[in-house]
Amino acid sequence: MDKNEQQLADIREMVAEVLELEPEELTDTGDFMEDYGADSLRAIEILARLDKQFKVEIPQAELPDLRNLKAVHAAVLRHSAAKS
């Protein structure tokens, strides 16, 4: 497993915990709100955990775009690269 795959797996576990799901229930493109019933408070919790766990600062303005694992992972990669 390369670094990106491991990072995606870590994000999947963290998001699953916030959404009270099993990690294998989350697909890369499943919509957090429509498919998994997330509300805005859970979305903010996901953002806060991303900031803490991955030491990145993702602006709250991007929150509406962070609707699935693929988008969240892309944001973490983008903001990690911006820090370097």
PDB file of N, CA and C in Angstrom:
ATOM      1  N   MET A   1       0.853  -1.181   0.000  1.00  0.00           N
ATOM      2  CA  MET A   1       0.000   0.000   0.000  1.00  0.00           C
ATOM      3  C   MET A   1       0.893   1.236   0.000  1.00  0.00           C
ATOM      4  N   ASP A   2       0.687   2.109  -0.984  1.00  0.00           N
ATOM      5  CA  ASP A   2       1.504   3.316  -1.035  1.00  0.00           C
ATOM      6  C   ASP A   2       0.934   4.382  -0.091  1.00  0.00           C
ATOM      7  N   LYS A   3       1.618   5.508  -0.019  1.00  0.00           N
ATOM      8  CA  LYS A   3       1.248   6.572   0.922  1.00  0.00           C
ATOM      9  C   LYS A   3      -0.162   7.097   0.658  1.00  0.00           C
ATOM     10  N   ASN A   4      -0.515   7.318  -0.611  1.00  0.00           N
ATOM     11  CA  ASN A   4      -1.849   7.825  -0.951  1.00  0.00           C
ATOM     12  C   ASN A   4      -2.943   6.831  -0.578  1.00  0.00           C
ATOM     13  N   GLU A   5      -2.697   5.546  -0.844  1.00  0.00           N
ATOM     14  CA  GLU A   5      -3.683   4.522  -0.492  1.00  0.00           C
ATOM     15  C   GLU A   5      -3.865   4.445   1.017  1.00  0.00           C
ATOM     16  N   GLN A   6      -2.760   4.539   1.759  1.00  0.00           N
ATOM     17  CA  GLN A   6      -2.828   4.502   3.218  1.00  0.00           C
ATOM     18  C   GLN A   6      -3.576   5.720   3.752  1.00  0.00           C
ATOM     19  N   GLN A   7      -3.295   6.876   3.151  1.00  0.00           N
ATOM     20  CA  GLN A   7      -3.970   8.098   3.574  1.00  0.00           C
ATOM     21  C   GLN A   7      -5.482   7.995   3.321  1.00  0.00           C
ATOM     22  N   LEU A   8      -5.863   7.460   2.178  1.00  0.00           N
ATOM     23  CA  LEU A   8      -7.276   7.275   1.866  1.00  0.00           C
ATOM     24  C   LEU A   8      -7.916   6.298   2.854  1.00  0.00           C
ATOM     25  N   ALA A   9      -7.214   5.237   3.192  1.00  0.00           N
ATOM     26  CA  ALA A   9      -7.725   4.269   4.174  1.00  0.00           C
ATOM     27  C   ALA A   9      -7.909   4.937   5.539  1.00  0.00           C
ATOM     28  N   ASP A  10      -6.963   5.780   5.930  1.00  0.00           N
ATOM     29  CA  ASP A  10      -7.065   6.499   7.200  1.00  0.00           C
ATOM     30  C   ASP A  10      -8.252   7.455   7.196  1.00  0.00           C
ATOM     31  N   ILE A  11      -8.452   8.157   6.077  1.00  0.00           N
ATOM     32  CA  ILE A  11      -9.590   9.079   5.949  1.00  0.00           C
ATOM     33  C   ILE A  11     -10.894   8.288   6.014  1.00  0.00           C
ATOM     34  N   ARG A  12     -10.937   7.143   5.341  1.00  0.00           N
ATOM     35  CA  ARG A  12     -12.141   6.301   5.341  1.00  0.00           C
ATOM     36  C   ARG A  12     -12.502   5.895   6.773  1.00  0.00           C
ATOM     37  N   GLU A  13     -11.515   5.477   7.551  1.00  0.00           N
ATOM     38  CA  GLU A  13     -11.773   5.070   8.937  1.00  0.00           C
ATOM     39  C   GLU A  13     -12.282   6.234   9.770  1.00  0.00           C
ATOM     40  N   MET A  14     -11.652   7.384   9.616  1.00  0.00           N
ATOM     41  CA  MET A  14     -12.031   8.559  10.390  1.00  0.00           C
ATOM     42  C   MET A  14     -13.452   9.003  10.036  1.00  0.00           C
ATOM     43  N   VAL A  15     -13.770   9.079   8.744  1.00  0.00           N
ATOM     44  CA  VAL A  15     -15.102   9.493   8.307  1.00  0.00           C
ATOM     45  C   VAL A  15     -16.147   8.476   8.767  1.00  0.00           C
ATOM     46  N   ALA A  16     -15.833   7.198   8.653  1.00  0.00           N
ATOM     47  CA  ALA A  16     -16.761   6.154   9.094  1.00  0.00           C
ATOM     48  C   ALA A  16     -17.072   6.301  10.582  1.00  0.00           C
ATOM     49  N   GLU A  17     -16.064   6.617  11.365  1.00  0.00           N
ATOM     50  CA  GLU A  17     -16.267   6.810  12.801  1.00  0.00           C
ATOM     51  C   GLU A  17     -17.215   7.986  13.058  1.00  0.00           C
ATOM     52  N   VAL A  18     -16.994   9.096  12.365  1.00  0.00           N
ATOM     53  CA  VAL A  18     -17.854  10.274  12.538  1.00  0.00           C
ATOM     54  C   VAL A  18     -19.291   9.960  12.107  1.00  0.00           C
ATOM     55  N   LEU A  19     -19.438   9.224  11.014  1.00  0.00           N
ATOM     56  CA  LEU A  19     -20.769   8.916  10.485  1.00  0.00           C
ATOM     57  C   LEU A  19     -21.398   7.684  11.139  1.00  0.00           C
ATOM     58  N   GLU A  20     -20.661   7.074  12.077  1.00  0.00           N
ATOM     59  CA  GLU A  20     -21.127   5.884  12.795  1.00  0.00           C
ATOM     60  C   GLU A  20     -21.454   4.741  11.831  1.00  0.00           C
ATOM     61  N   LEU A  21     -20.498   4.484  10.926  1.00  0.00           N
ATOM     62  CA  LEU A  21     -20.600   3.405   9.942  1.00  0.00           C
ATOM     63  C   LEU A  21     -19.361   2.532  10.042  1.00  0.00           C
ATOM     64  N   GLU A  22     -19.407   1.389   9.389  1.00  0.00           N
ATOM     65  CA  GLU A  22     -18.209   0.569   9.231  1.00  0.00           C
ATOM     66  C   GLU A  22     -17.449   1.112   8.024  1.00  0.00           C
ATOM     67  N   PRO A  23     -16.104   1.133   8.083  1.00  0.00           N
ATOM     68  CA  PRO A  23     -15.329   1.675   6.956  1.00  0.00           C
ATOM     69  C   PRO A  23     -15.679   1.057   5.604  1.00  0.00           C
ATOM     70  N   GLU A  24     -15.967  -0.240   5.587  1.00  0.00           N
ATOM     71  CA  GLU A  24     -16.272  -0.897   4.310  1.00  0.00           C
ATOM     72  C   GLU A  24     -17.627  -0.472   3.739  1.00  0.00           C
ATOM     73  N   GLU A  25     -18.450   0.201   4.533  1.00  0.00           N
ATOM     74  CA  GLU A  25     -19.735   0.698   4.031  1.00  0.00           C
ATOM     75  C   GLU A  25     -19.570   1.967   3.192  1.00  0.00           C
ATOM     76  N   LEU A  26     -18.457   2.665   3.358  1.00  0.00           N
ATOM     77  CA  LEU A  26     -18.202   3.913   2.626  1.00  0.00           C
ATOM     78  C   LEU A  26     -17.560   3.622   1.276  1.00  0.00           C
ATOM     79  N   THR A  27     -18.151   4.168   0.230  1.00  0.00           N
ATOM     80  CA  THR A  27     -17.517   4.069  -1.084  1.00  0.00           C
ATOM     81  C   THR A  27     -16.761   5.367  -1.344  1.00  0.00           C
ATOM     82  N   ASP A  28     -15.870   5.353  -2.302  1.00  0.00           N
ATOM     83  CA  ASP A  28     -15.077   6.546  -2.613  1.00  0.00           C
ATOM     84  C   ASP A  28     -15.942   7.711  -3.082  1.00  0.00           C
ATOM     85  N   THR A  29     -17.064   7.404  -3.742  1.00  0.00           N
ATOM     86  CA  THR A  29     -17.886   8.460  -4.320  1.00  0.00           C
ATOM     87  C   THR A  29     -19.266   8.597  -3.671  1.00  0.00           C
ATOM     88  N   GLY A  30     -19.527   7.829  -2.620  1.00  0.00           N
ATOM     89  CA  GLY A  30     -20.811   7.936  -1.928  1.00  0.00           C
ATOM     90  C   GLY A  30     -20.942   9.299  -1.261  1.00  0.00           C
ATOM     91  N   ASP A  31     -22.074   9.951  -1.467  1.00  0.00           N
ATOM     92  CA  ASP A  31     -22.310  11.284  -0.924  1.00  0.00           C
ATOM     93  C   ASP A  31     -22.614  11.190   0.572  1.00  0.00           C
ATOM     94  N   PHE A  32     -21.811  11.919   1.372  1.00  0.00           N
ATOM     95  CA  PHE A  32     -21.959  11.847   2.821  1.00  0.00           C
ATOM     96  C   PHE A  32     -23.379  12.196   3.267  1.00  0.00           C
ATOM     97  N   MET A  33     -23.959  13.225   2.677  1.00  0.00           N
ATOM     98  CA  MET A  33     -25.289  13.673   3.108  1.00  0.00           C
ATOM     99  C   MET A  33     -26.400  12.814   2.504  1.00  0.00           C
ATOM    100  N   GLU A  34     -26.367  12.641   1.195  1.00  0.00           N
ATOM    101  CA  GLU A  34     -27.443  11.918   0.521  1.00  0.00           C
ATOM    102  C   GLU A  34     -27.408  10.419   0.783  1.00  0.00           C
ATOM    103  N   ASP A  35     -26.225   9.815   0.760  1.00  0.00           N
ATOM    104  CA  ASP A  35     -26.120   8.361   0.894  1.00  0.00           C
ATOM    105  C   ASP A  35     -25.962   7.890   2.339  1.00  0.00           C
ATOM    106  N   TYR A  36     -25.378   8.736   3.193  1.00  0.00           N
ATOM    107  CA  TYR A  36     -25.060   8.297   4.553  1.00  0.00           C
ATOM    108  C   TYR A  36     -25.735   9.123   5.643  1.00  0.00           C
ATOM    109  N   GLY A  37     -26.561  10.084   5.257  1.00  0.00           N
ATOM    110  CA  GLY A  37     -27.340  10.837   6.218  1.00  0.00           C
ATOM    111  C   GLY A  37     -26.576  11.808   7.102  1.00  0.00           C
ATOM    112  N   ALA A  38     -25.424  12.271   6.647  1.00  0.00           N
ATOM    113  CA  ALA A  38     -24.635  13.227   7.433  1.00  0.00           C
ATOM    114  C   ALA A  38     -25.339  14.583   7.452  1.00  0.00           C
ATOM    115  N   ASP A  39     -25.169  15.302   8.546  1.00  0.00           N
ATOM    116  CA  ASP A  39     -25.687  16.659   8.616  1.00  0.00           C
ATOM    117  C   ASP A  39     -24.509  17.630   8.665  1.00  0.00           C
ATOM    118  N   SER A  40     -24.797  18.916   8.749  1.00  0.00           N
ATOM    119  CA  SER A  40     -23.722  19.914   8.701  1.00  0.00           C
ATOM    120  C   SER A  40     -22.787  19.812   9.909  1.00  0.00           C
ATOM    121  N   LEU A  41     -23.299  19.411  11.057  1.00  0.00           N
ATOM    122  CA  LEU A  41     -22.434  19.259  12.236  1.00  0.00           C
ATOM    123  C   LEU A  41     -21.425  18.137  12.039  1.00  0.00           C
ATOM    124  N   ARG A  42     -21.860  17.056  11.434  1.00  0.00           N
ATOM    125  CA  ARG A  42     -20.926  15.945  11.166  1.00  0.00           C
ATOM    126  C   ARG A  42     -19.891  16.372  10.121  1.00  0.00           C
ATOM    127  N   ALA A  43     -20.317  17.164   9.152  1.00  0.00           N
ATOM    128  CA  ALA A  43     -19.380  17.658   8.134  1.00  0.00           C
ATOM    129  C   ALA A  43     -18.299  18.528   8.783  1.00  0.00           C
ATOM    130  N   ILE A  44     -18.706  19.371   9.717  1.00  0.00           N
ATOM    131  CA  ILE A  44     -17.735  20.225  10.418  1.00  0.00           C
ATOM    132  C   ILE A  44     -16.809  19.374  11.280  1.00  0.00           C
ATOM    133  N   GLU A  45     -17.358  18.326  11.895  1.00  0.00           N
ATOM    134  CA  GLU A  45     -16.518  17.425  12.692  1.00  0.00           C
ATOM    135  C   GLU A  45     -15.482  16.719  11.813  1.00  0.00           C
ATOM    136  N   ILE A  46     -15.892  16.294  10.624  1.00  0.00           N
ATOM    137  CA  ILE A  46     -14.956  15.660   9.683  1.00  0.00           C
ATOM    138  C   ILE A  46     -13.839  16.644   9.338  1.00  0.00           C
ATOM    139  N   LEU A  47     -14.204  17.882   9.039  1.00  0.00           N
ATOM    140  CA  LEU A  47     -13.215  18.911   8.704  1.00  0.00           C
ATOM    141  C   LEU A  47     -12.241  19.138   9.856  1.00  0.00           C
ATOM    142  N   ALA A  48     -12.751  19.227  11.063  1.00  0.00           N
ATOM    143  CA  ALA A  48     -11.900  19.446  12.232  1.00  0.00           C
ATOM    144  C   ALA A  48     -10.946  18.276  12.451  1.00  0.00           C
ATOM    145  N   ARG A  49     -11.449  17.076  12.275  1.00  0.00           N
ATOM    146  CA  ARG A  49     -10.585  15.897  12.454  1.00  0.00           C
ATOM    147  C   ARG A  49      -9.514  15.821  11.363  1.00  0.00           C
ATOM    148  N   LEU A  50      -9.872  16.199  10.142  1.00  0.00           N
ATOM    149  CA  LEU A  50      -8.878  16.223   9.060  1.00  0.00           C
ATOM    150  C   LEU A  50      -7.750  17.185   9.407  1.00  0.00           C
ATOM    151  N   ASP A  51      -8.132  18.378   9.857  1.00  0.00           N
ATOM    152  CA  ASP A  51      -7.137  19.388  10.225  1.00  0.00           C
ATOM    153  C   ASP A  51      -6.187  18.843  11.285  1.00  0.00           C
ATOM    154  N   LYS A  52      -6.754  18.190  12.288  1.00  0.00           N
ATOM    155  CA  LYS A  52      -5.947  17.689  13.401  1.00  0.00           C
ATOM    156  C   LYS A  52      -5.104  16.474  13.002  1.00  0.00           C
ATOM    157  N   GLN A  53      -5.743  15.483  12.367  1.00  0.00           N
ATOM    158  CA  GLN A  53      -5.055  14.234  12.045  1.00  0.00           C
ATOM    159  C   GLN A  53      -3.977  14.400  10.980  1.00  0.00           C
ATOM    160  N   PHE A  54      -4.249  15.210   9.966  1.00  0.00           N
ATOM    161  CA  PHE A  54      -3.319  15.330   8.849  1.00  0.00           C
ATOM    162  C   PHE A  54      -2.530  16.637   8.872  1.00  0.00           C
ATOM    163  N   LYS A  55      -2.755  17.437   9.901  1.00  0.00           N
ATOM    164  CA  LYS A  55      -2.028  18.700  10.076  1.00  0.00           C
ATOM    165  C   LYS A  55      -2.133  19.589   8.836  1.00  0.00           C
ATOM    166  N   VAL A  56      -3.365  19.667   8.319  1.00  0.00           N
ATOM    167  CA  VAL A  56      -3.641  20.544   7.182  1.00  0.00           C
ATOM    168  C   VAL A  56      -4.743  21.509   7.599  1.00  0.00           C
ATOM    169  N   GLU A  57      -4.780  22.639   6.938  1.00  0.00           N
ATOM    170  CA  GLU A  57      -5.826  23.609   7.213  1.00  0.00           C
ATOM    171  C   GLU A  57      -6.686  23.747   5.970  1.00  0.00           C
ATOM    172  N   ILE A  58      -7.847  23.103   6.014  1.00  0.00           N
ATOM    173  CA  ILE A  58      -8.786  23.168   4.901  1.00  0.00           C
ATOM    174  C   ILE A  58      -9.819  24.228   5.263  1.00  0.00           C
ATOM    175  N   PRO A  59      -9.938  25.277   4.459  1.00  0.00           N
ATOM    176  CA  PRO A  59     -10.888  26.351   4.771  1.00  0.00           C
ATOM    177  C   PRO A  59     -12.334  25.851   4.820  1.00  0.00           C
ATOM    178  N   GLN A  60     -13.124  26.400   5.748  1.00  0.00           N
ATOM    179  CA  GLN A  60     -14.526  26.001   5.842  1.00  0.00           C
ATOM    180  C   GLN A  60     -15.291  26.317   4.564  1.00  0.00           C
ATOM    181  N   ALA A  61     -14.795  27.250   3.784  1.00  0.00           N
ATOM    182  CA  ALA A  61     -15.446  27.585   2.515  1.00  0.00           C
ATOM    183  C   ALA A  61     -15.475  26.383   1.565  1.00  0.00           C
ATOM    184  N   GLU A  62     -14.559  25.432   1.754  1.00  0.00           N
ATOM    185  CA  GLU A  62     -14.508  24.244   0.897  1.00  0.00           C
ATOM    186  C   GLU A  62     -15.459  23.145   1.367  1.00  0.00           C
ATOM    187  N   LEU A  63     -16.056  23.333   2.532  1.00  0.00           N
ATOM    188  CA  LEU A  63     -16.916  22.305   3.114  1.00  0.00           C
ATOM    189  C   LEU A  63     -17.994  21.783   2.164  1.00  0.00           C
ATOM    190  N   PRO A  64     -18.692  22.644   1.418  1.00  0.00           N
ATOM    191  CA  PRO A  64     -19.721  22.117   0.504  1.00  0.00           C
ATOM    192  C   PRO A  64     -19.170  21.168  -0.565  1.00  0.00           C
ATOM    193  N   ASP A  65     -17.885  21.276  -0.885  1.00  0.00           N
ATOM    194  CA  ASP A  65     -17.279  20.421  -1.907  1.00  0.00           C
ATOM    195  C   ASP A  65     -16.799  19.082  -1.347  1.00  0.00           C
ATOM    196  N   LEU A  66     -16.707  18.966  -0.034  1.00  0.00           N
ATOM    197  CA  LEU A  66     -16.180  17.757   0.593  1.00  0.00           C
ATOM    198  C   LEU A  66     -17.322  16.784   0.867  1.00  0.00           C
ATOM    199  N   ARG A  67     -17.888  16.278  -0.212  1.00  0.00           N
ATOM    200  CA  ARG A  67     -19.109  15.467  -0.096  1.00  0.00           C
ATOM    201  C   ARG A  67     -18.863  13.966  -0.135  1.00  0.00           C
ATOM    202  N   ASN A  68     -17.637  13.553  -0.500  1.00  0.00           N
ATOM    203  CA  ASN A  68     -17.345  12.119  -0.542  1.00  0.00           C
ATOM    204  C   ASN A  68     -15.862  11.895  -0.250  1.00  0.00           C
ATOM    205  N   LEU A  69     -15.495  10.638  -0.096  1.00  0.00           N
ATOM    206  CA  LEU A  69     -14.107  10.317   0.264  1.00  0.00           C
ATOM    207  C   LEU A  69     -13.113  10.821  -0.771  1.00  0.00           C
ATOM    208  N   LYS A  70     -13.463  10.682  -2.043  1.00  0.00           N
ATOM    209  CA  LYS A  70     -12.567  11.111  -3.115  1.00  0.00           C
ATOM    210  C   LYS A  70     -12.275  12.613  -3.009  1.00  0.00           C
ATOM    211  N   ALA A  71     -13.313  13.412  -2.774  1.00  0.00           N
ATOM    212  CA  ALA A  71     -13.144  14.866  -2.656  1.00  0.00           C
ATOM    213  C   ALA A  71     -12.355  15.242  -1.405  1.00  0.00           C
ATOM    214  N   VAL A  72     -12.613  14.537  -0.307  1.00  0.00           N
ATOM    215  CA  VAL A  72     -11.890  14.808   0.945  1.00  0.00           C
ATOM    216  C   VAL A  72     -10.415  14.486   0.771  1.00  0.00           C
ATOM    217  N   HIS A  73     -10.121  13.345   0.166  1.00  0.00           N
ATOM    218  CA  HIS A  73      -8.731  12.951  -0.048  1.00  0.00           C
ATOM    219  C   HIS A  73      -8.016  13.955  -0.947  1.00  0.00           C
ATOM    220  N   ALA A  74      -8.682  14.395  -1.999  1.00  0.00           N
ATOM    221  CA  ALA A  74      -8.084  15.387  -2.907  1.00  0.00           C
ATOM    222  C   ALA A  74      -7.783  16.690  -2.153  1.00  0.00           C
ATOM    223  N   ALA A  75      -8.682  17.102  -1.263  1.00  0.00           N
ATOM    224  CA  ALA A  75      -8.464  18.335  -0.490  1.00  0.00           C
ATOM    225  C   ALA A  75      -7.277  18.177   0.458  1.00  0.00           C
ATOM    226  N   VAL A  76      -7.173  17.023   1.103  1.00  0.00           N
ATOM    227  CA  VAL A  76      -6.040  16.774   2.004  1.00  0.00           C
ATOM    228  C   VAL A  76      -4.738  16.816   1.214  1.00  0.00           C
ATOM    229  N   LEU A  77      -4.706  16.175   0.058  1.00  0.00           N
ATOM    230  CA  LEU A  77      -3.504  16.186  -0.778  1.00  0.00           C
ATOM    231  C   LEU A  77      -3.155  17.607  -1.225  1.00  0.00           C
ATOM    232  N   ARG A  78      -4.143  18.350  -1.667  1.00  0.00           N
ATOM    233  CA  ARG A  78      -3.944  19.718  -2.153  1.00  0.00           C
ATOM    234  C   ARG A  78      -3.399  20.603  -1.043  1.00  0.00           C
ATOM    235  N   HIS A  79      -3.966  20.536   0.130  1.00  0.00           N
ATOM    236  CA  HIS A  79      -3.538  21.415   1.216  1.00  0.00           C
ATOM    237  C   HIS A  79      -2.253  20.945   1.857  1.00  0.00           C
ATOM    238  N   SER A  80      -1.968  19.644   1.779  1.00  0.00           N
ATOM    239  CA  SER A  80      -0.667  19.133   2.255  1.00  0.00           C
ATOM    240  C   SER A  80       0.450  19.638   1.342  1.00  0.00           C
ATOM    241  N   ALA A  81       0.176  19.606   0.039  1.00  0.00           N
ATOM    242  CA  ALA A  81       1.170  20.061  -0.934  1.00  0.00           C
ATOM    243  C   ALA A  81       1.409  21.553  -0.785  1.00  0.00           C
ATOM    244  N   ALA A  82       0.362  22.299  -0.480  1.00  0.00           N
ATOM    245  CA  ALA A  82       0.492  23.744  -0.329  1.00  0.00           C
ATOM    246  C   ALA A  82       1.354  24.108   0.874  1.00  0.00           C
ATOM    247  N   LYS A  83       1.364  23.247   1.887  1.00  0.00           N
ATOM    248  CA  LYS A  83       2.152  23.488   3.095  1.00  0.00           C
ATOM    249  C   LYS A  83       3.643  23.241   2.865  1.00  0.00           C
ATOM    250  N   SER A  84       3.920  22.311   1.954  1.00  0.00           N
ATOM    251  CA  SER A  84       5.323  21.902   1.728  1.00  0.00           C
ATOM    252  C   SER A  84       6.136  22.972   1.043  1.00  0.00           C
TER     253      SER A  84
END
